[in-house]
Amino acid sequence: MNREYFSVRTASEYSSLSQRLLYRLVQERTLKSYRVRSKILIKKSDLEALIIQGSVMNKDELREKLQKR
């Protein structure tokens, strides 16, 4: 699947996040989306950025990040 934009359904399948959660994130403007007529589209890179932003770091990653400060 080499797409740049996903429907909410496809984004849900790709990310394993529920459609309900994705609709809520779009509504809260936490996840950027585009509307084409009645269809909501989510850019793949925006979805991936949201997932990375919410990721939890292990001890080594956290230590490395703190050392860079």
C-alpha atoms as a PDB file:
ATOM      1  CA  MET A   1       0.000   0.000   0.000  1.00  0.00           C
ATOM      2  CA  ASN A   2       1.872   3.029  -1.293  1.00  0.00           C
ATOM      3  CA  ARG A   3      -0.572   5.887  -0.765  1.00  0.00           C
ATOM      4  CA  GLU A   4       0.017   9.461   0.278  1.00  0.00           C
ATOM      5  CA  TYR A   5      -3.552  10.039   1.560  1.00  0.00           C
ATOM      6  CA  PHE A   6      -5.867   7.684   3.433  1.00  0.00           C
ATOM      7  CA  SER A   7      -9.577   7.630   4.052  1.00  0.00           C
ATOM      8  CA  VAL A   8     -10.436   7.283   7.734  1.00  0.00           C
ATOM      9  CA  ARG A   9     -11.177   3.604   7.186  1.00  0.00           C
ATOM     10  CA  THR A  10      -7.854   2.950   5.446  1.00  0.00           C
ATOM     11  CA  ALA A  11      -5.963   5.035   8.016  1.00  0.00           C
ATOM     12  CA  SER A  12      -7.563   2.907  10.715  1.00  0.00           C
ATOM     13  CA  GLU A  13      -6.422  -0.309   9.036  1.00  0.00           C
ATOM     14  CA  TYR A  14      -2.920   1.079   8.439  1.00  0.00           C
ATOM     15  CA  SER A  15      -2.398   2.365  11.981  1.00  0.00           C
ATOM     16  CA  SER A  16      -4.498  -0.094  14.017  1.00  0.00           C
ATOM     17  CA  LEU A  17      -6.275   2.910  15.584  1.00  0.00           C
ATOM     18  CA  SER A  18     -10.069   2.796  15.663  1.00  0.00           C
ATOM     19  CA  GLN A  19     -12.073   4.831  13.189  1.00  0.00           C
ATOM     20  CA  ARG A  20     -13.887   6.422  16.116  1.00  0.00           C
ATOM     21  CA  LEU A  21     -10.574   7.644  17.588  1.00  0.00           C
ATOM     22  CA  LEU A  22      -9.420   8.996  14.228  1.00  0.00           C
ATOM     23  CA  TYR A  23     -12.687  10.899  13.729  1.00  0.00           C
ATOM     24  CA  ARG A  24     -12.299  12.377  17.227  1.00  0.00           C
ATOM     25  CA  LEU A  25      -8.684  13.415  16.573  1.00  0.00           C
ATOM     26  CA  VAL A  26      -9.769  15.060  13.316  1.00  0.00           C
ATOM     27  CA  GLN A  27     -12.657  16.827  15.045  1.00  0.00           C
ATOM     28  CA  GLU A  28     -10.357  18.072  17.837  1.00  0.00           C
ATOM     29  CA  ARG A  29      -7.858  19.157  15.153  1.00  0.00           C
ATOM     30  CA  THR A  30      -5.178  17.021  16.769  1.00  0.00           C
ATOM     31  CA  LEU A  31      -4.803  15.205  13.460  1.00  0.00           C
ATOM     32  CA  LYS A  32      -4.683  17.350  10.330  1.00  0.00           C
ATOM     33  CA  SER A  33      -7.169  16.300   7.675  1.00  0.00           C
ATOM     34  CA  TYR A  34      -8.472  17.393   4.304  1.00  0.00           C
ATOM     35  CA  ARG A  35     -12.065  17.334   3.178  1.00  0.00           C
ATOM     36  CA  VAL A  36     -12.920  16.611  -0.439  1.00  0.00           C
ATOM     37  CA  ARG A  37     -16.666  16.970  -0.768  1.00  0.00           C
ATOM     38  CA  SER A  38     -17.943  14.628   1.952  1.00  0.00           C
ATOM     39  CA  LYS A  39     -14.788  12.508   2.238  1.00  0.00           C
ATOM     40  CA  ILE A  40     -12.176  13.062   4.947  1.00  0.00           C
ATOM     41  CA  LEU A  41      -8.590  12.385   3.875  1.00  0.00           C
ATOM     42  CA  ILE A  42      -5.600  12.010   6.170  1.00  0.00           C
ATOM     43  CA  LYS A  43      -2.061  12.450   4.902  1.00  0.00           C
ATOM     44  CA  LYS A  44       0.108   9.413   5.644  1.00  0.00           C
ATOM     45  CA  SER A  45       2.989  11.524   6.988  1.00  0.00           C
ATOM     46  CA  ASP A  46       0.610  13.395   9.373  1.00  0.00           C
ATOM     47  CA  LEU A  47      -0.728  10.093  10.710  1.00  0.00           C
ATOM     48  CA  GLU A  48       2.782   8.717  11.189  1.00  0.00           C
ATOM     49  CA  ALA A  49       3.890  11.931  12.933  1.00  0.00           C
ATOM     50  CA  LEU A  50       0.951  11.654  15.343  1.00  0.00           C
ATOM     51  CA  ILE A  51       1.881   8.066  16.164  1.00  0.00           C
ATOM     52  CA  ILE A  52       5.557   8.936  16.684  1.00  0.00           C
ATOM     53  CA  GLN A  53       4.623  11.940  18.836  1.00  0.00           C
ATOM     54  CA  GLY A  54       2.651   9.656  21.140  1.00  0.00           C
ATOM     55  CA  SER A  55       5.291   6.952  21.334  1.00  0.00           C
ATOM     56  CA  VAL A  56       6.891   6.030  24.615  1.00  0.00           C
ATOM     57  CA  MET A  57      10.671   6.097  24.861  1.00  0.00           C
ATOM     58  CA  ASN A  58      12.666   3.376  26.546  1.00  0.00           C
ATOM     59  CA  LYS A  59      15.323   4.285  29.132  1.00  0.00           C
ATOM     60  CA  ASP A  60      18.182   4.463  26.620  1.00  0.00           C
ATOM     61  CA  GLU A  61      16.262   6.730  24.244  1.00  0.00           C
ATOM     62  CA  LEU A  62      15.232   9.004  27.101  1.00  0.00           C
ATOM     63  CA  ARG A  63      18.809   9.189  28.435  1.00  0.00           C
ATOM     64  CA  GLU A  64      20.128  10.037  24.958  1.00  0.00           C
ATOM     65  CA  LYS A  65      17.521  12.769  24.484  1.00  0.00           C
ATOM     66  CA  LEU A  66      18.308  14.315  27.866  1.00  0.00           C
ATOM     67  CA  GLN A  67      22.054  14.289  27.149  1.00  0.00           C
ATOM     68  CA  LYS A  68      21.482  16.300  23.965  1.00  0.00           C
ATOM     69  CA  ARG A  69      19.969  19.169  25.949  1.00  0.00           C
END
